[in-house]
Amino acid sequence: MIALFAEGLQTAFFPCSLVLAVPSIAIALGARRYSAAAMGTFLLGLLVSSWARFAGFSDVWPAIITGIALLAAALLLSRPILQRESLSASAAGLVAGGAAGSLWRPCVGFEFGEVLTAMSQAGPAGFGRLTVYVIGVMAPILALTAVANALPVEWIERARQPLTIVGAGVLVILGLAVFAGFDDHIISRLFELSSF
């Protein structure tokens, strides 16, 4: 498991991981003081979506669904549900995580390659191994989120509007890129740049 986590951590710095890093950073920024909850649900959405794909239960989401999910996440960040920012940030994280999982094409190393090969027969153990790898990939962003959460709330609230605009804006751009069909080209190029 340590080798699997280490491989994920190494992959975090590869271009292919930008497909996960960009929306997760956008969620963390837009969620502001609720970024821990948003990142937790982002991770959950990412894991469930990725596991369903790699275990053969689902395919890549159609572009229209992925695009709508990213736009919905942006809307949730900018317009809280029932004026409850924590609920809205958590919902945005879950939806964006699912969309990121559908877009993600991991740079497969030896350890994770073995996990993917056995994923359809591995059951809960396969989900656990996927979780270890994904936490490795997401570790730098989770660490940055933890540091941001340690900042005084007043600082975060002072930057409320710019953070919301940047976070939601990035998700809107990603959603529009998916609608326009740019995602396949960009993800393929990032994957090529990340060959082991």
N, C-alpha and C. Protein backbone atom coordinates (compact mmCIF):
# COMPACT_ATOMS: atom_id res chain seq x y z
N MET A 1 0.82 -1.21 0.00
CA MET A 1 0.00 0.00 0.00
C MET A 1 0.86 1.27 0.00
N ILE A 2 2.00 1.22 0.70
CA ILE A 2 2.88 2.39 0.74
C ILE A 2 3.42 2.68 -0.66
N ALA A 3 3.77 1.62 -1.39
CA ALA A 3 4.29 1.81 -2.75
C ALA A 3 3.20 2.40 -3.65
N LEU A 4 1.97 1.99 -3.43
CA LEU A 4 0.85 2.50 -4.22
C LEU A 4 0.61 3.98 -3.92
N PHE A 5 0.66 4.34 -2.65
CA PHE A 5 0.51 5.75 -2.26
C PHE A 5 1.66 6.58 -2.85
N ALA A 6 2.89 6.05 -2.75
CA ALA A 6 4.07 6.77 -3.27
C ALA A 6 3.95 6.97 -4.78
N GLU A 7 3.45 5.97 -5.48
CA GLU A 7 3.27 6.10 -6.93
C GLU A 7 2.23 7.17 -7.24
N GLY A 8 1.15 7.19 -6.45
CA GLY A 8 0.14 8.24 -6.62
C GLY A 8 0.72 9.62 -6.36
N LEU A 9 1.52 9.73 -5.31
CA LEU A 9 2.14 11.02 -4.98
C LEU A 9 3.07 11.48 -6.09
N GLN A 10 3.82 10.56 -6.66
CA GLN A 10 4.70 10.90 -7.78
C GLN A 10 3.87 11.39 -8.96
N THR A 11 2.77 10.69 -9.22
CA THR A 11 1.90 11.04 -10.36
C THR A 11 1.24 12.40 -10.17
N ALA A 12 1.10 12.84 -8.92
CA ALA A 12 0.48 14.14 -8.65
C ALA A 12 1.19 15.27 -9.38
N PHE A 13 2.46 15.07 -9.69
CA PHE A 13 3.24 16.13 -10.34
C PHE A 13 3.39 15.92 -11.84
N PHE A 14 2.63 14.98 -12.39
CA PHE A 14 2.62 14.72 -13.82
C PHE A 14 1.50 15.53 -14.47
N PRO A 15 1.67 15.94 -15.73
CA PRO A 15 0.62 16.72 -16.40
C PRO A 15 -0.76 16.06 -16.43
N CYS A 16 -0.81 14.72 -16.49
CA CYS A 16 -2.12 14.06 -16.57
C CYS A 16 -2.96 14.33 -15.33
N SER A 17 -2.34 14.64 -14.21
CA SER A 17 -3.08 14.89 -12.97
C SER A 17 -3.70 16.27 -12.92
N LEU A 18 -3.39 17.13 -13.89
CA LEU A 18 -4.04 18.44 -13.95
C LEU A 18 -5.55 18.31 -14.11
N VAL A 19 -5.99 17.20 -14.70
CA VAL A 19 -7.43 16.97 -14.88
C VAL A 19 -8.12 16.88 -13.52
N LEU A 20 -7.39 16.44 -12.51
CA LEU A 20 -7.93 16.40 -11.15
C LEU A 20 -7.57 17.67 -10.38
N ALA A 21 -6.36 18.17 -10.58
CA ALA A 21 -5.88 19.31 -9.80
C ALA A 21 -6.67 20.58 -10.09
N VAL A 22 -6.94 20.86 -11.36
CA VAL A 22 -7.58 22.13 -11.72
C VAL A 22 -8.98 22.24 -11.12
N PRO A 23 -9.88 21.25 -11.32
CA PRO A 23 -11.20 21.41 -10.71
C PRO A 23 -11.17 21.36 -9.18
N SER A 24 -10.26 20.57 -8.60
CA SER A 24 -10.23 20.50 -7.13
C SER A 24 -9.75 21.82 -6.53
N ILE A 25 -8.77 22.47 -7.16
CA ILE A 25 -8.31 23.78 -6.67
C ILE A 25 -9.43 24.80 -6.84
N ALA A 26 -10.16 24.73 -7.95
CA ALA A 26 -11.29 25.64 -8.17
C ALA A 26 -12.34 25.46 -7.08
N ILE A 27 -12.62 24.21 -6.73
CA ILE A 27 -13.59 23.93 -5.66
C ILE A 27 -13.10 24.47 -4.33
N ALA A 28 -11.82 24.23 -4.02
CA ALA A 28 -11.27 24.70 -2.75
C ALA A 28 -11.32 26.22 -2.65
N LEU A 29 -11.00 26.91 -3.75
CA LEU A 29 -11.05 28.38 -3.75
C LEU A 29 -12.47 28.89 -3.59
N GLY A 30 -13.37 28.34 -4.41
CA GLY A 30 -14.75 28.82 -4.40
C GLY A 30 -15.47 28.52 -3.12
N ALA A 31 -15.11 27.41 -2.45
CA ALA A 31 -15.79 27.02 -1.21
C ALA A 31 -15.32 27.85 -0.02
N ARG A 32 -14.17 28.51 -0.16
CA ARG A 32 -13.60 29.37 0.87
C ARG A 32 -13.49 28.66 2.23
N ARG A 33 -14.21 29.11 3.24
CA ARG A 33 -14.04 28.53 4.59
C ARG A 33 -14.62 27.12 4.71
N TYR A 34 -15.37 26.70 3.71
CA TYR A 34 -15.92 25.34 3.73
C TYR A 34 -15.14 24.42 2.78
N SER A 35 -13.90 24.81 2.50
CA SER A 35 -13.11 24.05 1.53
C SER A 35 -12.82 22.63 2.00
N ALA A 36 -12.72 22.40 3.31
CA ALA A 36 -12.45 21.04 3.79
C ALA A 36 -13.62 20.12 3.44
N ALA A 37 -14.85 20.59 3.68
CA ALA A 37 -16.03 19.79 3.34
C ALA A 37 -16.12 19.60 1.83
N ALA A 38 -15.85 20.66 1.08
CA ALA A 38 -15.93 20.57 -0.38
C ALA A 38 -14.89 19.60 -0.93
N MET A 39 -13.68 19.63 -0.38
CA MET A 39 -12.64 18.73 -0.86
C MET A 39 -12.93 17.29 -0.46
N GLY A 40 -13.54 17.10 0.71
CA GLY A 40 -13.92 15.75 1.11
C GLY A 40 -14.94 15.14 0.16
N THR A 41 -15.93 15.95 -0.21
CA THR A 41 -16.95 15.43 -1.14
C THR A 41 -16.40 15.34 -2.56
N PHE A 42 -15.47 16.22 -2.92
CA PHE A 42 -14.81 16.12 -4.22
C PHE A 42 -14.10 14.77 -4.32
N LEU A 43 -13.38 14.43 -3.27
CA LEU A 43 -12.65 13.16 -3.23
C LEU A 43 -13.62 11.98 -3.33
N LEU A 44 -14.74 12.08 -2.63
CA LEU A 44 -15.74 11.01 -2.67
C LEU A 44 -16.30 10.85 -4.09
N GLY A 45 -16.69 11.97 -4.71
CA GLY A 45 -17.21 11.92 -6.08
C GLY A 45 -16.19 11.36 -7.05
N LEU A 46 -14.94 11.78 -6.89
CA LEU A 46 -13.85 11.30 -7.74
C LEU A 46 -13.66 9.80 -7.59
N LEU A 47 -13.64 9.32 -6.36
CA LEU A 47 -13.43 7.90 -6.11
C LEU A 47 -14.56 7.04 -6.66
N VAL A 48 -15.80 7.44 -6.39
CA VAL A 48 -16.94 6.65 -6.85
C VAL A 48 -17.00 6.62 -8.37
N SER A 49 -16.83 7.79 -8.99
CA SER A 49 -16.87 7.87 -10.45
C SER A 49 -15.75 7.06 -11.10
N SER A 50 -14.53 7.18 -10.54
CA SER A 50 -13.38 6.46 -11.09
C SER A 50 -13.54 4.95 -10.90
N TRP A 51 -13.96 4.54 -9.69
CA TRP A 51 -14.12 3.12 -9.41
C TRP A 51 -15.18 2.52 -10.34
N ALA A 52 -16.30 3.21 -10.52
CA ALA A 52 -17.35 2.69 -11.40
C ALA A 52 -16.82 2.49 -12.82
N ARG A 53 -15.98 3.40 -13.29
CA ARG A 53 -15.39 3.27 -14.63
C ARG A 53 -14.40 2.12 -14.70
N PHE A 54 -13.44 2.11 -13.78
CA PHE A 54 -12.36 1.14 -13.85
C PHE A 54 -12.81 -0.28 -13.51
N ALA A 55 -13.91 -0.40 -12.75
CA ALA A 55 -14.45 -1.72 -12.42
C ALA A 55 -15.41 -2.21 -13.50
N GLY A 56 -15.68 -1.37 -14.50
CA GLY A 56 -16.53 -1.78 -15.62
C GLY A 56 -18.02 -1.59 -15.40
N PHE A 57 -18.42 -0.84 -14.35
CA PHE A 57 -19.84 -0.62 -14.09
C PHE A 57 -20.42 0.53 -14.90
N SER A 58 -19.56 1.43 -15.35
CA SER A 58 -20.03 2.56 -16.16
C SER A 58 -18.92 2.94 -17.13
N ASP A 59 -19.26 3.82 -18.04
CA ASP A 59 -18.29 4.31 -19.02
C ASP A 59 -18.01 5.78 -18.70
N VAL A 60 -17.19 6.41 -19.51
CA VAL A 60 -16.97 7.85 -19.39
C VAL A 60 -18.31 8.55 -19.59
N TRP A 61 -18.60 9.53 -18.76
CA TRP A 61 -19.86 10.25 -18.90
C TRP A 61 -19.92 10.92 -20.28
N PRO A 62 -21.10 10.99 -20.89
CA PRO A 62 -21.21 11.78 -22.13
C PRO A 62 -20.81 13.23 -21.86
N ALA A 63 -20.26 13.88 -22.87
CA ALA A 63 -19.75 15.25 -22.72
C ALA A 63 -20.82 16.19 -22.17
N ILE A 64 -22.06 16.01 -22.60
CA ILE A 64 -23.11 16.93 -22.14
C ILE A 64 -23.33 16.81 -20.64
N ILE A 65 -23.24 15.58 -20.10
CA ILE A 65 -23.43 15.38 -18.66
C ILE A 65 -22.24 15.94 -17.89
N THR A 66 -21.03 15.68 -18.38
CA THR A 66 -19.83 16.21 -17.72
C THR A 66 -19.84 17.73 -17.71
N GLY A 67 -20.17 18.32 -18.86
CA GLY A 67 -20.23 19.78 -18.95
C GLY A 67 -21.27 20.37 -18.02
N ILE A 68 -22.46 19.76 -17.99
CA ILE A 68 -23.52 20.25 -17.11
C ILE A 68 -23.10 20.12 -15.65
N ALA A 69 -22.43 19.00 -15.30
CA ALA A 69 -21.98 18.80 -13.92
C ALA A 69 -20.99 19.90 -13.50
N LEU A 70 -20.06 20.24 -14.38
CA LEU A 70 -19.09 21.29 -14.05
C LEU A 70 -19.77 22.66 -13.92
N LEU A 71 -20.72 22.94 -14.80
CA LEU A 71 -21.46 24.21 -14.70
C LEU A 71 -22.33 24.24 -13.45
N ALA A 72 -22.92 23.08 -13.10
CA ALA A 72 -23.74 23.00 -11.88
C ALA A 72 -22.87 23.24 -10.64
N ALA A 73 -21.66 22.68 -10.65
CA ALA A 73 -20.74 22.90 -9.52
C ALA A 73 -20.40 24.38 -9.39
N ALA A 74 -20.18 25.05 -10.52
CA ALA A 74 -19.88 26.49 -10.50
C ALA A 74 -21.07 27.26 -9.93
N LEU A 75 -22.27 26.89 -10.34
CA LEU A 75 -23.48 27.56 -9.86
C LEU A 75 -23.65 27.34 -8.36
N LEU A 76 -23.40 26.13 -7.89
CA LEU A 76 -23.51 25.83 -6.47
C LEU A 76 -22.52 26.65 -5.63
N LEU A 77 -21.34 26.89 -6.18
CA LEU A 77 -20.36 27.69 -5.46
C LEU A 77 -20.77 29.16 -5.38
N SER A 78 -21.38 29.64 -6.45
CA SER A 78 -21.71 31.07 -6.49
C SER A 78 -23.10 31.39 -5.94
N ARG A 79 -24.01 30.40 -5.90
CA ARG A 79 -25.37 30.60 -5.39
C ARG A 79 -25.70 29.50 -4.38
N PRO A 80 -25.40 29.71 -3.10
CA PRO A 80 -25.62 28.66 -2.11
C PRO A 80 -27.07 28.17 -2.07
N ILE A 81 -27.24 26.86 -1.86
CA ILE A 81 -28.56 26.25 -1.73
C ILE A 81 -29.17 26.70 -0.41
N LEU A 82 -30.38 27.24 -0.46
CA LEU A 82 -31.09 27.67 0.75
C LEU A 82 -30.22 28.53 1.66
N GLN A 83 -29.34 29.31 1.03
CA GLN A 83 -28.41 30.19 1.76
C GLN A 83 -27.48 29.43 2.72
N ARG A 84 -27.29 28.14 2.48
CA ARG A 84 -26.39 27.33 3.32
C ARG A 84 -25.12 27.05 2.53
N GLU A 85 -24.09 27.81 2.83
CA GLU A 85 -22.85 27.70 2.06
C GLU A 85 -22.17 26.35 2.24
N SER A 86 -22.25 25.77 3.44
CA SER A 86 -21.58 24.49 3.68
C SER A 86 -22.22 23.39 2.84
N LEU A 87 -23.55 23.36 2.78
CA LEU A 87 -24.26 22.37 1.97
C LEU A 87 -23.96 22.57 0.50
N SER A 88 -23.97 23.82 0.07
CA SER A 88 -23.71 24.14 -1.33
C SER A 88 -22.29 23.77 -1.73
N ALA A 89 -21.31 24.07 -0.87
CA ALA A 89 -19.91 23.74 -1.16
C ALA A 89 -19.72 22.23 -1.23
N SER A 90 -20.38 21.50 -0.32
CA SER A 90 -20.26 20.04 -0.33
C SER A 90 -20.88 19.45 -1.59
N ALA A 91 -22.04 19.95 -1.98
CA ALA A 91 -22.70 19.47 -3.20
C ALA A 91 -21.84 19.78 -4.43
N ALA A 92 -21.26 20.99 -4.46
CA ALA A 92 -20.39 21.37 -5.59
C ALA A 92 -19.19 20.44 -5.67
N GLY A 93 -18.59 20.12 -4.51
CA GLY A 93 -17.45 19.22 -4.50
C GLY A 93 -17.80 17.83 -5.01
N LEU A 94 -18.94 17.30 -4.60
CA LEU A 94 -19.37 15.97 -5.03
C LEU A 94 -19.58 15.92 -6.54
N VAL A 95 -20.29 16.91 -7.07
CA VAL A 95 -20.60 16.95 -8.50
C VAL A 95 -19.32 17.14 -9.32
N ALA A 96 -18.45 18.07 -8.90
CA ALA A 96 -17.21 18.31 -9.63
C ALA A 96 -16.27 17.11 -9.54
N GLY A 97 -16.26 16.43 -8.40
CA GLY A 97 -15.43 15.24 -8.26
C GLY A 97 -15.87 14.13 -9.19
N GLY A 98 -17.18 13.94 -9.32
CA GLY A 98 -17.70 12.95 -10.26
C GLY A 98 -17.32 13.27 -11.69
N ALA A 99 -17.42 14.55 -12.05
CA ALA A 99 -17.05 14.98 -13.41
C ALA A 99 -15.56 14.78 -13.65
N ALA A 100 -14.73 15.13 -12.66
CA ALA A 100 -13.27 14.96 -12.80
C ALA A 100 -12.92 13.48 -12.95
N GLY A 101 -13.61 12.62 -12.20
CA GLY A 101 -13.37 11.19 -12.31
C GLY A 101 -13.70 10.65 -13.69
N SER A 102 -14.71 11.24 -14.31
CA SER A 102 -15.09 10.81 -15.65
C SER A 102 -14.07 11.27 -16.69
N LEU A 103 -13.46 12.43 -16.45
CA LEU A 103 -12.48 12.98 -17.40
C LEU A 103 -11.09 12.38 -17.23
N TRP A 104 -10.79 11.90 -16.04
CA TRP A 104 -9.44 11.49 -15.67
C TRP A 104 -8.95 10.28 -16.46
N ARG A 105 -7.77 10.42 -17.02
CA ARG A 105 -7.07 9.30 -17.67
C ARG A 105 -5.73 9.18 -16.93
N PRO A 106 -5.67 8.26 -15.95
CA PRO A 106 -4.46 8.24 -15.10
C PRO A 106 -3.21 7.79 -15.85
N CYS A 107 -2.07 8.36 -15.43
CA CYS A 107 -0.78 7.90 -15.95
C CYS A 107 -0.44 6.66 -15.14
N VAL A 108 -0.51 5.54 -15.72
CA VAL A 108 -0.42 4.29 -14.98
C VAL A 108 1.02 3.87 -14.76
N GLY A 109 1.39 3.71 -13.49
CA GLY A 109 2.67 3.13 -13.13
C GLY A 109 2.47 1.65 -12.86
N PHE A 110 3.51 0.98 -12.46
CA PHE A 110 3.45 -0.47 -12.25
C PHE A 110 2.40 -0.86 -11.20
N GLU A 111 2.46 -0.21 -10.03
CA GLU A 111 1.56 -0.56 -8.93
C GLU A 111 0.10 -0.32 -9.32
N PHE A 112 -0.19 0.86 -9.84
CA PHE A 112 -1.58 1.18 -10.18
C PHE A 112 -2.05 0.37 -11.39
N GLY A 113 -1.14 0.03 -12.27
CA GLY A 113 -1.48 -0.83 -13.40
C GLY A 113 -2.03 -2.17 -12.93
N GLU A 114 -1.40 -2.72 -11.89
CA GLU A 114 -1.88 -3.98 -11.32
C GLU A 114 -3.26 -3.82 -10.70
N VAL A 115 -3.48 -2.68 -10.04
CA VAL A 115 -4.80 -2.41 -9.44
C VAL A 115 -5.87 -2.35 -10.52
N LEU A 116 -5.59 -1.63 -11.60
CA LEU A 116 -6.57 -1.49 -12.68
C LEU A 116 -6.86 -2.83 -13.35
N THR A 117 -5.83 -3.65 -13.52
CA THR A 117 -6.01 -4.95 -14.17
C THR A 117 -6.98 -5.83 -13.40
N ALA A 118 -6.91 -5.77 -12.07
CA ALA A 118 -7.75 -6.65 -11.24
C ALA A 118 -9.00 -5.96 -10.70
N MET A 119 -9.24 -4.71 -11.12
CA MET A 119 -10.31 -3.92 -10.51
C MET A 119 -11.69 -4.57 -10.62
N SER A 120 -12.02 -5.14 -11.75
CA SER A 120 -13.37 -5.69 -11.93
C SER A 120 -13.64 -6.90 -11.04
N GLN A 121 -12.59 -7.61 -10.61
CA GLN A 121 -12.77 -8.78 -9.75
C GLN A 121 -12.41 -8.48 -8.28
N ALA A 122 -11.85 -7.32 -8.01
CA ALA A 122 -11.29 -7.06 -6.67
C ALA A 122 -12.32 -6.68 -5.62
N GLY A 123 -13.50 -6.20 -6.01
CA GLY A 123 -14.52 -5.82 -5.05
C GLY A 123 -14.07 -4.69 -4.15
N PRO A 124 -14.43 -4.75 -2.84
CA PRO A 124 -14.07 -3.68 -1.90
C PRO A 124 -12.56 -3.46 -1.78
N ALA A 125 -11.76 -4.53 -1.92
CA ALA A 125 -10.30 -4.37 -1.85
C ALA A 125 -9.80 -3.48 -2.98
N GLY A 126 -10.40 -3.64 -4.16
CA GLY A 126 -10.03 -2.79 -5.30
C GLY A 126 -10.36 -1.34 -5.04
N PHE A 127 -11.52 -1.09 -4.43
CA PHE A 127 -11.91 0.29 -4.09
C PHE A 127 -10.92 0.86 -3.07
N GLY A 128 -10.52 0.05 -2.10
CA GLY A 128 -9.55 0.50 -1.10
C GLY A 128 -8.21 0.85 -1.71
N ARG A 129 -7.74 0.03 -2.64
CA ARG A 129 -6.45 0.30 -3.30
C ARG A 129 -6.54 1.54 -4.19
N LEU A 130 -7.68 1.71 -4.87
CA LEU A 130 -7.90 2.92 -5.67
C LEU A 130 -7.86 4.14 -4.76
N THR A 131 -8.47 4.03 -3.59
CA THR A 131 -8.51 5.15 -2.64
C THR A 131 -7.10 5.55 -2.22
N VAL A 132 -6.26 4.56 -1.92
CA VAL A 132 -4.87 4.85 -1.50
C VAL A 132 -4.15 5.60 -2.62
N TYR A 133 -4.30 5.14 -3.85
CA TYR A 133 -3.62 5.78 -4.99
C TYR A 133 -4.13 7.21 -5.19
N VAL A 134 -5.45 7.38 -5.18
CA VAL A 134 -6.04 8.71 -5.42
C VAL A 134 -5.65 9.67 -4.30
N ILE A 135 -5.60 9.20 -3.08
CA ILE A 135 -5.17 10.09 -1.98
C ILE A 135 -3.72 10.52 -2.21
N GLY A 136 -2.90 9.61 -2.73
CA GLY A 136 -1.53 9.99 -3.09
C GLY A 136 -1.50 11.07 -4.17
N VAL A 137 -2.33 10.89 -5.21
CA VAL A 137 -2.39 11.87 -6.30
C VAL A 137 -2.88 13.23 -5.77
N MET A 138 -3.85 13.19 -4.87
CA MET A 138 -4.46 14.43 -4.39
C MET A 138 -3.75 15.02 -3.17
N ALA A 139 -2.76 14.31 -2.62
CA ALA A 139 -2.11 14.74 -1.37
C ALA A 139 -1.61 16.19 -1.39
N PRO A 140 -0.93 16.66 -2.45
CA PRO A 140 -0.47 18.05 -2.42
C PRO A 140 -1.61 19.06 -2.34
N ILE A 141 -2.72 18.77 -3.03
CA ILE A 141 -3.85 19.69 -3.01
C ILE A 141 -4.57 19.62 -1.66
N LEU A 142 -4.68 18.42 -1.10
CA LEU A 142 -5.29 18.28 0.22
C LEU A 142 -4.44 19.02 1.26
N ALA A 143 -3.11 18.96 1.11
CA ALA A 143 -2.23 19.68 2.04
C ALA A 143 -2.41 21.19 1.91
N LEU A 144 -2.52 21.69 0.67
CA LEU A 144 -2.75 23.12 0.47
C LEU A 144 -4.09 23.55 1.06
N THR A 145 -5.10 22.71 0.93
CA THR A 145 -6.42 23.01 1.50
C THR A 145 -6.32 23.08 3.02
N ALA A 146 -5.58 22.15 3.61
CA ALA A 146 -5.40 22.16 5.07
C ALA A 146 -4.71 23.45 5.52
N VAL A 147 -3.70 23.88 4.77
CA VAL A 147 -3.00 25.12 5.11
C VAL A 147 -3.96 26.31 4.99
N ALA A 148 -4.76 26.33 3.92
CA ALA A 148 -5.72 27.42 3.73
C ALA A 148 -6.74 27.45 4.85
N ASN A 149 -7.15 26.27 5.33
CA ASN A 149 -8.13 26.22 6.42
C ASN A 149 -7.55 26.69 7.75
N ALA A 150 -6.22 26.71 7.84
CA ALA A 150 -5.57 27.20 9.06
C ALA A 150 -5.52 28.73 9.11
N LEU A 151 -5.79 29.37 7.98
CA LEU A 151 -5.78 30.84 7.94
C LEU A 151 -6.97 31.39 8.73
N PRO A 152 -6.83 32.57 9.30
CA PRO A 152 -7.97 33.17 10.00
C PRO A 152 -9.17 33.34 9.06
N VAL A 153 -10.36 33.07 9.58
CA VAL A 153 -11.59 33.16 8.77
C VAL A 153 -11.75 34.56 8.19
N GLU A 154 -11.33 35.58 8.95
CA GLU A 154 -11.49 36.97 8.47
C GLU A 154 -10.73 37.19 7.16
N TRP A 155 -9.55 36.59 7.04
CA TRP A 155 -8.76 36.73 5.82
C TRP A 155 -9.49 36.13 4.64
N ILE A 156 -10.03 34.94 4.87
CA ILE A 156 -10.74 34.25 3.79
C ILE A 156 -11.98 35.04 3.39
N GLU A 157 -12.69 35.57 4.38
CA GLU A 157 -13.92 36.32 4.08
C GLU A 157 -13.62 37.63 3.34
N ARG A 158 -12.47 38.24 3.62
CA ARG A 158 -12.09 39.47 2.91
C ARG A 158 -11.91 39.21 1.42
N ALA A 159 -11.43 38.01 1.10
CA ALA A 159 -11.19 37.65 -0.31
C ALA A 159 -12.37 36.87 -0.89
N ARG A 160 -13.52 36.95 -0.25
CA ARG A 160 -14.69 36.15 -0.62
C ARG A 160 -15.06 36.26 -2.09
N GLN A 161 -15.28 37.48 -2.56
CA GLN A 161 -15.75 37.66 -3.94
C GLN A 161 -14.72 37.20 -4.98
N PRO A 162 -13.44 37.61 -4.87
CA PRO A 162 -12.46 37.13 -5.86
C PRO A 162 -12.31 35.61 -5.86
N LEU A 163 -12.31 34.99 -4.67
CA LEU A 163 -12.18 33.54 -4.60
C LEU A 163 -13.36 32.84 -5.26
N THR A 164 -14.56 33.37 -5.02
CA THR A 164 -15.75 32.78 -5.65
C THR A 164 -15.69 32.91 -7.16
N ILE A 165 -15.30 34.09 -7.63
CA ILE A 165 -15.23 34.33 -9.08
C ILE A 165 -14.20 33.41 -9.73
N VAL A 166 -13.02 33.30 -9.13
CA VAL A 166 -11.97 32.45 -9.70
C VAL A 166 -12.40 30.99 -9.69
N GLY A 167 -12.87 30.51 -8.55
CA GLY A 167 -13.27 29.11 -8.44
C GLY A 167 -14.39 28.74 -9.39
N ALA A 168 -15.47 29.52 -9.35
CA ALA A 168 -16.61 29.23 -10.24
C ALA A 168 -16.22 29.46 -11.70
N GLY A 169 -15.41 30.48 -11.96
CA GLY A 169 -15.00 30.78 -13.34
C GLY A 169 -14.20 29.65 -13.97
N VAL A 170 -13.30 29.04 -13.20
CA VAL A 170 -12.51 27.92 -13.71
C VAL A 170 -13.43 26.76 -14.08
N LEU A 171 -14.41 26.48 -13.23
CA LEU A 171 -15.35 25.38 -13.50
C LEU A 171 -16.20 25.67 -14.74
N VAL A 172 -16.59 26.92 -14.92
CA VAL A 172 -17.35 27.30 -16.12
C VAL A 172 -16.50 27.09 -17.37
N ILE A 173 -15.25 27.53 -17.32
CA ILE A 173 -14.35 27.35 -18.48
C ILE A 173 -14.17 25.87 -18.80
N LEU A 174 -13.98 25.05 -17.75
CA LEU A 174 -13.85 23.60 -17.97
C LEU A 174 -15.12 23.02 -18.58
N GLY A 175 -16.26 23.42 -18.04
CA GLY A 175 -17.53 22.93 -18.58
C GLY A 175 -17.72 23.30 -20.04
N LEU A 176 -17.41 24.54 -20.38
CA LEU A 176 -17.54 24.99 -21.78
C LEU A 176 -16.55 24.27 -22.69
N ALA A 177 -15.34 24.00 -22.17
CA ALA A 177 -14.34 23.26 -22.95
C ALA A 177 -14.83 21.85 -23.26
N VAL A 178 -15.50 21.23 -22.29
CA VAL A 178 -16.05 19.89 -22.51
C VAL A 178 -17.16 19.95 -23.56
N PHE A 179 -18.06 20.94 -23.44
CA PHE A 179 -19.13 21.11 -24.43
C PHE A 179 -18.56 21.29 -25.84
N ALA A 180 -17.46 22.04 -25.92
CA ALA A 180 -16.86 22.34 -27.23
C ALA A 180 -16.04 21.18 -27.77
N GLY A 181 -15.83 20.14 -26.97
CA GLY A 181 -15.09 18.97 -27.42
C GLY A 181 -13.58 19.10 -27.31
N PHE A 182 -13.11 20.11 -26.55
CA PHE A 182 -11.67 20.30 -26.40
C PHE A 182 -11.06 19.32 -25.41
N ASP A 183 -11.89 18.73 -24.54
CA ASP A 183 -11.36 17.92 -23.45
C ASP A 183 -10.56 16.71 -23.94
N ASP A 184 -11.06 16.01 -24.96
CA ASP A 184 -10.34 14.83 -25.45
C ASP A 184 -8.94 15.18 -25.93
N HIS A 185 -8.84 16.25 -26.69
CA HIS A 185 -7.54 16.67 -27.23
C HIS A 185 -6.58 17.05 -26.09
N ILE A 186 -7.09 17.85 -25.15
CA ILE A 186 -6.25 18.33 -24.05
C ILE A 186 -5.81 17.17 -23.16
N ILE A 187 -6.75 16.29 -22.82
CA ILE A 187 -6.43 15.16 -21.93
C ILE A 187 -5.45 14.21 -22.61
N SER A 188 -5.64 13.97 -23.90
CA SER A 188 -4.71 13.10 -24.64
C SER A 188 -3.31 13.69 -24.64
N ARG A 189 -3.23 15.00 -24.83
CA ARG A 189 -1.92 15.66 -24.85
C ARG A 189 -1.26 15.60 -23.47
N LEU A 190 -2.03 15.83 -22.41
CA LEU A 190 -1.48 15.74 -21.06
C LEU A 190 -0.99 14.32 -20.76
N PHE A 191 -1.74 13.34 -21.26
CA PHE A 191 -1.36 11.94 -21.06
C PHE A 191 -0.04 11.63 -21.78
N GLU A 192 0.10 12.16 -23.01
CA GLU A 192 1.35 11.95 -23.77
C GLU A 192 2.54 12.58 -23.04
N LEU A 193 2.33 13.75 -22.45
CA LEU A 193 3.41 14.44 -21.74
C LEU A 193 3.79 13.74 -20.44
N SER A 194 2.94 12.81 -20.01
CA SER A 194 3.14 12.16 -18.71
C SER A 194 3.64 10.74 -18.81
N SER A 195 4.09 10.31 -20.00
CA SER A 195 4.49 8.92 -20.14
C SER A 195 5.67 8.61 -19.22
N PHE A 196 5.58 7.45 -18.57
CA PHE A 196 6.60 7.03 -17.60
C PHE A 196 7.90 6.69 -18.33
